Amino acid sequence: MDTTNDGQRFTALYQRHYTDIEGYVRRRVHPSQVNDVVAEVFVVAWRRLDDLPGDGVLPWLYGVARRTLANAYRSEQRRGRLLEALAAQPDVPAGDHANDVTSRLAVMTAFSQLSSDHQEALRLTLWENLSARDASRASGCSVATFQVRLHRARKKLRKAINTPINDESAGDAVGRNAPRTDWDGTGVQH
């Protein structure tokens, strides 16, 4: 591929047919879309420079423009359907998040008071979703030891935050949705 020759051929093609293609597109789309569609037509022409017909290049470019416009129309229709679907969604009030923040802070504070073994037991089961068997391997202890450790960790966490927590809510507060920073109070992410 001779890029100098190709560049000159493309430049000549662009200069000769830009106004025609731009007018063709301008009559069919919103003015804000004209430059994008015309640019796409000439990108296709550049990519297919070796496939251009010797004569009748302008009709070929019109064909490319027609297909590019069809793609733009389909995209616009999808966009319109998406906007309609979003507009049809019911408005859900956001509510006050202060209670959620307070609860999370209480859990984070309680979590930071646990021993590192208990913290790790909770992390392995809640963040990493490991079974007791896999978590025990990761911790380097027996399954029974790990299960006892996990039971104690949950019990101490419940006591530290002084509210009953079932395993699912502990998972949300200490687990995947909680920020993973500053669990030990040092300000350093672990």
C-alpha atoms as a PDB file:
ATOM      1  CA  MET A   1       0.000   0.000   0.000  1.00  0.00           C
ATOM      2  CA  ASP A   2       1.525   3.289  -1.092  1.00  0.00           C
ATOM      3  CA  THR A   3       0.320   5.676   1.594  1.00  0.00           C
ATOM      4  CA  THR A   4       1.512   8.801  -0.245  1.00  0.00           C
ATOM      5  CA  ASN A   5      -0.401   7.861  -3.368  1.00  0.00           C
ATOM      6  CA  ASP A   6      -3.401   6.705  -1.327  1.00  0.00           C
ATOM      7  CA  GLY A   7      -3.380   9.939   0.663  1.00  0.00           C
ATOM      8  CA  GLN A   8      -3.345  11.999  -2.530  1.00  0.00           C
ATOM      9  CA  ARG A   9      -6.144   9.883  -4.077  1.00  0.00           C
ATOM     10  CA  PHE A  10      -8.258  10.217  -0.967  1.00  0.00           C
ATOM     11  CA  THR A  11      -7.632  13.970  -0.682  1.00  0.00           C
ATOM     12  CA  ALA A  12      -8.694  14.454  -4.299  1.00  0.00           C
ATOM     13  CA  LEU A  13     -11.793  12.288  -3.747  1.00  0.00           C
ATOM     14  CA  TYR A  14     -12.666  14.186  -0.574  1.00  0.00           C
ATOM     15  CA  GLN A  15     -12.247  17.608  -2.147  1.00  0.00           C
ATOM     16  CA  ARG A  16     -14.187  16.626  -5.272  1.00  0.00           C
ATOM     17  CA  HIS A  17     -17.181  15.024  -3.509  1.00  0.00           C
ATOM     18  CA  TYR A  18     -17.409  16.506  -0.007  1.00  0.00           C
ATOM     19  CA  THR A  19     -19.940  19.191  -0.949  1.00  0.00           C
ATOM     20  CA  ASP A  20     -22.207  16.680  -2.726  1.00  0.00           C
ATOM     21  CA  ILE A  21     -22.143  14.214   0.161  1.00  0.00           C
ATOM     22  CA  GLU A  22     -22.576  16.944   2.748  1.00  0.00           C
ATOM     23  CA  GLY A  23     -25.628  18.295   0.876  1.00  0.00           C
ATOM     24  CA  TYR A  24     -27.097  14.798   0.540  1.00  0.00           C
ATOM     25  CA  VAL A  25     -26.730  14.198   4.256  1.00  0.00           C
ATOM     26  CA  ARG A  26     -27.840  17.706   5.292  1.00  0.00           C
ATOM     27  CA  ARG A  27     -31.204  17.208   3.549  1.00  0.00           C
ATOM     28  CA  ARG A  28     -31.840  14.053   5.561  1.00  0.00           C
ATOM     29  CA  VAL A  29     -30.707  14.612   9.155  1.00  0.00           C
ATOM     30  CA  HIS A  30     -30.690  17.193  11.886  1.00  0.00           C
ATOM     31  CA  PRO A  31     -27.905  19.766  11.402  1.00  0.00           C
ATOM     32  CA  SER A  32     -26.168  18.565  14.568  1.00  0.00           C
ATOM     33  CA  GLN A  33     -25.617  15.140  12.989  1.00  0.00           C
ATOM     34  CA  VAL A  34     -24.383  16.208   9.549  1.00  0.00           C
ATOM     35  CA  ASN A  35     -20.660  16.362  10.327  1.00  0.00           C
ATOM     36  CA  ASP A  36     -20.640  12.970  12.048  1.00  0.00           C
ATOM     37  CA  VAL A  37     -22.453  11.212   9.218  1.00  0.00           C
ATOM     38  CA  VAL A  38     -20.316  12.830   6.508  1.00  0.00           C
ATOM     39  CA  ALA A  39     -17.164  11.943   8.426  1.00  0.00           C
ATOM     40  CA  GLU A  40     -18.302   8.318   8.682  1.00  0.00           C
ATOM     41  CA  VAL A  41     -18.946   8.191   4.923  1.00  0.00           C
ATOM     42  CA  PHE A  42     -15.406   9.329   4.207  1.00  0.00           C
ATOM     43  CA  VAL A  43     -13.963   6.953   6.815  1.00  0.00           C
ATOM     44  CA  VAL A  44     -15.580   4.109   4.891  1.00  0.00           C
ATOM     45  CA  ALA A  45     -14.205   5.554   1.637  1.00  0.00           C
ATOM     46  CA  TRP A  46     -10.699   5.642   3.144  1.00  0.00           C
ATOM     47  CA  ARG A  47     -10.941   2.082   4.419  1.00  0.00           C
ATOM     48  CA  ARG A  48     -12.232   0.835   1.081  1.00  0.00           C
ATOM     49  CA  LEU A  49     -10.041   3.059  -1.107  1.00  0.00           C
ATOM     50  CA  ASP A  50      -8.780   0.088  -3.103  1.00  0.00           C
ATOM     51  CA  ASP A  51     -12.369  -1.102  -3.698  1.00  0.00           C
ATOM     52  CA  LEU A  52     -13.675   2.210  -5.093  1.00  0.00           C
ATOM     53  CA  PRO A  53     -15.114   1.980  -8.591  1.00  0.00           C
ATOM     54  CA  GLY A  54     -13.038   3.624 -11.306  1.00  0.00           C
ATOM     55  CA  ASP A  55     -16.024   5.592 -12.530  1.00  0.00           C
ATOM     56  CA  GLY A  56     -19.177   6.281 -10.612  1.00  0.00           C
ATOM     57  CA  VAL A  57     -17.488   7.083  -7.317  1.00  0.00           C
ATOM     58  CA  LEU A  58     -20.137   9.629  -6.371  1.00  0.00           C
ATOM     59  CA  PRO A  59     -23.039   7.139  -6.619  1.00  0.00           C
ATOM     60  CA  TRP A  60     -20.948   4.705  -4.571  1.00  0.00           C
ATOM     61  CA  LEU A  61     -20.447   7.425  -1.919  1.00  0.00           C
ATOM     62  CA  TYR A  62     -24.189   8.122  -1.969  1.00  0.00           C
ATOM     63  CA  GLY A  63     -24.763   4.440  -1.276  1.00  0.00           C
ATOM     64  CA  VAL A  64     -22.382   4.553   1.649  1.00  0.00           C
ATOM     65  CA  ALA A  65     -24.114   7.709   2.888  1.00  0.00           C
ATOM     66  CA  ARG A  66     -27.517   6.018   2.584  1.00  0.00           C
ATOM     67  CA  ARG A  67     -26.363   3.044   4.679  1.00  0.00           C
ATOM     68  CA  THR A  68     -24.676   5.337   7.201  1.00  0.00           C
ATOM     69  CA  LEU A  69     -27.891   7.344   7.502  1.00  0.00           C
ATOM     70  CA  ALA A  70     -29.872   4.128   7.982  1.00  0.00           C
ATOM     71  CA  ASN A  71     -27.552   3.206  10.860  1.00  0.00           C
ATOM     72  CA  ALA A  72     -27.972   6.699  12.321  1.00  0.00           C
ATOM     73  CA  TYR A  73     -31.776   6.415  12.048  1.00  0.00           C
ATOM     74  CA  ARG A  74     -31.759   3.048  13.806  1.00  0.00           C
ATOM     75  CA  SER A  75     -29.549   4.433  16.552  1.00  0.00           C
ATOM     76  CA  GLU A  76     -31.874   7.399  16.959  1.00  0.00           C
ATOM     77  CA  GLN A  77     -34.905   5.088  17.138  1.00  0.00           C
ATOM     78  CA  ARG A  78     -33.200   2.965  19.821  1.00  0.00           C
ATOM     79  CA  ARG A  79     -32.326   6.117  21.704  1.00  0.00           C
ATOM     80  CA  GLY A  80     -35.940   7.311  21.470  1.00  0.00           C
ATOM     81  CA  ARG A  81     -37.279   3.972  22.717  1.00  0.00           C
ATOM     82  CA  LEU A  82     -34.822   4.044  25.600  1.00  0.00           C
ATOM     83  CA  LEU A  83     -35.883   7.577  26.542  1.00  0.00           C
ATOM     84  CA  GLU A  84     -39.533   6.508  26.425  1.00  0.00           C
ATOM     85  CA  ALA A  85     -38.797   3.495  28.609  1.00  0.00           C
ATOM     86  CA  LEU A  86     -36.916   5.662  31.086  1.00  0.00           C
ATOM     87  CA  ALA A  87     -39.698   8.242  31.114  1.00  0.00           C
ATOM     88  CA  ALA A  88     -42.200   5.465  31.863  1.00  0.00           C
ATOM     89  CA  GLN A  89     -40.272   4.366  34.948  1.00  0.00           C
ATOM     90  CA  PRO A  90     -41.984   5.399  38.175  1.00  0.00           C
ATOM     91  CA  ASP A  91     -40.359   8.092  40.229  1.00  0.00           C
ATOM     92  CA  VAL A  92     -38.996   6.575  43.397  1.00  0.00           C
ATOM     93  CA  PRO A  93     -38.193   9.044  46.141  1.00  0.00           C
ATOM     94  CA  ALA A  94     -34.602   8.757  47.260  1.00  0.00           C
ATOM     95  CA  GLY A  95     -35.438   9.067  50.921  1.00  0.00           C
ATOM     96  CA  ASP A  96     -33.172   9.980  53.770  1.00  0.00           C
ATOM     97  CA  HIS A  97     -29.881   8.096  53.778  1.00  0.00           C
ATOM     98  CA  ALA A  98     -28.808   9.281  57.209  1.00  0.00           C
ATOM     99  CA  ASN A  99     -29.951   6.073  58.896  1.00  0.00           C
ATOM    100  CA  ASP A 100     -28.040   3.972  56.347  1.00  0.00           C
ATOM    101  CA  VAL A 101     -24.894   6.016  56.904  1.00  0.00           C
ATOM    102  CA  THR A 102     -25.228   5.785  60.663  1.00  0.00           C
ATOM    103  CA  SER A 103     -25.754   2.019  60.485  1.00  0.00           C
ATOM    104  CA  ARG A 104     -22.747   1.529  58.236  1.00  0.00           C
ATOM    105  CA  LEU A 105     -20.557   3.636  60.488  1.00  0.00           C
ATOM    106  CA  ALA A 106     -21.665   1.592  63.488  1.00  0.00           C
ATOM    107  CA  VAL A 107     -20.856  -1.661  61.687  1.00  0.00           C
ATOM    108  CA  MET A 108     -17.484  -0.335  60.475  1.00  0.00           C
ATOM    109  CA  THR A 109     -16.587   0.769  63.994  1.00  0.00           C
ATOM    110  CA  ALA A 110     -17.654  -2.576  65.431  1.00  0.00           C
ATOM    111  CA  PHE A 111     -15.757  -4.425  62.705  1.00  0.00           C
ATOM    112  CA  SER A 112     -12.573  -2.498  63.480  1.00  0.00           C
ATOM    113  CA  GLN A 113     -12.780  -3.699  67.092  1.00  0.00           C
ATOM    114  CA  LEU A 114     -12.657  -7.379  66.088  1.00  0.00           C
ATOM    115  CA  SER A 115      -9.431  -9.354  66.080  1.00  0.00           C
ATOM    116  CA  SER A 116      -7.689  -9.769  62.743  1.00  0.00           C
ATOM    117  CA  ASP A 117      -8.685 -13.482  62.648  1.00  0.00           C
ATOM    118  CA  HIS A 118     -12.340 -12.592  63.130  1.00  0.00           C
ATOM    119  CA  GLN A 119     -12.173  -9.802  60.573  1.00  0.00           C
ATOM    120  CA  GLU A 120     -10.596 -12.161  58.055  1.00  0.00           C
ATOM    121  CA  ALA A 121     -13.236 -14.837  58.708  1.00  0.00           C
ATOM    122  CA  LEU A 122     -15.974 -12.342  57.939  1.00  0.00           C
ATOM    123  CA  ARG A 123     -14.153 -10.993  54.881  1.00  0.00           C
ATOM    124  CA  LEU A 124     -13.581 -14.441  53.424  1.00  0.00           C
ATOM    125  CA  THR A 125     -17.211 -15.466  53.790  1.00  0.00           C
ATOM    126  CA  LEU A 126     -18.921 -12.148  53.049  1.00  0.00           C
ATOM    127  CA  TRP A 127     -16.632 -10.366  50.582  1.00  0.00           C
ATOM    128  CA  GLU A 128     -15.119 -13.347  48.821  1.00  0.00           C
ATOM    129  CA  ASN A 129     -18.201 -15.602  49.128  1.00  0.00           C
ATOM    130  CA  LEU A 130     -16.069 -18.572  50.144  1.00  0.00           C
ATOM    131  CA  SER A 131     -17.574 -21.637  51.712  1.00  0.00           C
ATOM    132  CA  ALA A 132     -16.391 -22.575  55.201  1.00  0.00           C
ATOM    133  CA  ARG A 133     -14.253 -25.296  53.640  1.00  0.00           C
ATOM    134  CA  ASP A 134     -12.509 -22.934  51.192  1.00  0.00           C
ATOM    135  CA  ALA A 135     -12.193 -20.168  53.775  1.00  0.00           C
ATOM    136  CA  SER A 136     -10.590 -22.597  56.231  1.00  0.00           C
ATOM    137  CA  ARG A 137      -7.992 -23.477  53.598  1.00  0.00           C
ATOM    138  CA  ALA A 138      -7.298 -19.805  52.978  1.00  0.00           C
ATOM    139  CA  SER A 139      -6.968 -19.223  56.726  1.00  0.00           C
ATOM    140  CA  GLY A 140      -4.744 -22.249  57.257  1.00  0.00           C
ATOM    141  CA  CYS A 141      -6.994 -23.949  59.810  1.00  0.00           C
ATOM    142  CA  SER A 142      -9.459 -26.822  59.951  1.00  0.00           C
ATOM    143  CA  VAL A 143     -13.051 -26.406  58.839  1.00  0.00           C
ATOM    144  CA  ALA A 144     -14.269 -26.842  62.410  1.00  0.00           C
ATOM    145  CA  THR A 145     -11.851 -24.200  63.704  1.00  0.00           C
ATOM    146  CA  PHE A 146     -12.909 -21.805  60.973  1.00  0.00           C
ATOM    147  CA  GLN A 147     -16.612 -22.348  61.679  1.00  0.00           C
ATOM    148  CA  VAL A 148     -16.072 -21.619  65.350  1.00  0.00           C
ATOM    149  CA  ARG A 149     -14.044 -18.530  64.462  1.00  0.00           C
ATOM    150  CA  LEU A 150     -16.767 -17.321  62.081  1.00  0.00           C
ATOM    151  CA  HIS A 151     -19.493 -17.962  64.678  1.00  0.00           C
ATOM    152  CA  ARG A 152     -17.546 -15.995  67.293  1.00  0.00           C
ATOM    153  CA  ALA A 153     -16.823 -13.195  64.832  1.00  0.00           C
ATOM    154  CA  ARG A 154     -20.512 -12.810  64.010  1.00  0.00           C
ATOM    155  CA  LYS A 155     -21.461 -12.943  67.680  1.00  0.00           C
ATOM    156  CA  LYS A 156     -18.878 -10.297  68.644  1.00  0.00           C
ATOM    157  CA  LEU A 157     -19.895  -8.099  65.740  1.00  0.00           C
ATOM    158  CA  ARG A 158     -23.559  -8.273  66.780  1.00  0.00           C
ATOM    159  CA  LYS A 159     -22.626  -7.449  70.359  1.00  0.00           C
ATOM    160  CA  ALA A 160     -20.318  -4.593  69.334  1.00  0.00           C
ATOM    161  CA  ILE A 161     -22.958  -2.822  67.307  1.00  0.00           C
ATOM    162  CA  ASN A 162     -25.553  -3.650  69.964  1.00  0.00           C
ATOM    163  CA  THR A 163     -28.300  -4.469  67.490  1.00  0.00           C
ATOM    164  CA  PRO A 164     -29.449  -7.806  66.157  1.00  0.00           C
ATOM    165  CA  ILE A 165     -28.022  -8.449  62.702  1.00  0.00           C
ATOM    166  CA  ASN A 166     -28.834 -11.433  60.566  1.00  0.00           C
ATOM    167  CA  ASP A 167     -26.158 -12.782  58.233  1.00  0.00           C
ATOM    168  CA  GLU A 168     -27.616 -11.062  55.155  1.00  0.00           C
ATOM    169  CA  SER A 169     -27.621  -7.571  56.635  1.00  0.00           C
ATOM    170  CA  ALA A 170     -24.124  -8.093  58.000  1.00  0.00           C
ATOM    171  CA  GLY A 171     -23.094  -9.076  54.498  1.00  0.00           C
ATOM    172  CA  ASP A 172     -24.473  -5.855  53.096  1.00  0.00           C
ATOM    173  CA  ALA A 173     -22.986  -3.651  55.756  1.00  0.00           C
ATOM    174  CA  VAL A 174     -19.614  -5.322  56.138  1.00  0.00           C
ATOM    175  CA  GLY A 175     -19.590  -7.124  52.842  1.00  0.00           C
ATOM    176  CA  ARG A 176     -19.668  -6.269  49.167  1.00  0.00           C
ATOM    177  CA  ASN A 177     -21.357  -2.868  49.484  1.00  0.00           C
ATOM    178  CA  ALA A 178     -19.223  -1.440  52.268  1.00  0.00           C
ATOM    179  CA  PRO A 179     -16.170   0.639  51.460  1.00  0.00           C
ATOM    180  CA  ARG A 180     -12.990  -1.411  51.823  1.00  0.00           C
ATOM    181  CA  THR A 181     -10.896   1.184  53.537  1.00  0.00           C
ATOM    182  CA  ASP A 182      -9.722   2.039  57.008  1.00  0.00           C
ATOM    183  CA  TRP A 183     -11.025  -1.079  58.788  1.00  0.00           C
ATOM    184  CA  ASP A 184      -8.274  -0.876  61.350  1.00  0.00           C
ATOM    185  CA  GLY A 185      -8.592   2.861  61.948  1.00  0.00           C
ATOM    186  CA  THR A 186      -5.191   3.686  60.423  1.00  0.00           C
ATOM    187  CA  GLY A 187      -6.536   5.341  57.267  1.00  0.00           C
ATOM    188  CA  VAL A 188      -4.648   2.817  55.173  1.00  0.00           C
ATOM    189  CA  GLN A 189      -6.570   0.599  52.770  1.00  0.00           C
ATOM    190  CA  HIS A 190      -5.851  -3.097  53.294  1.00  0.00           C
END
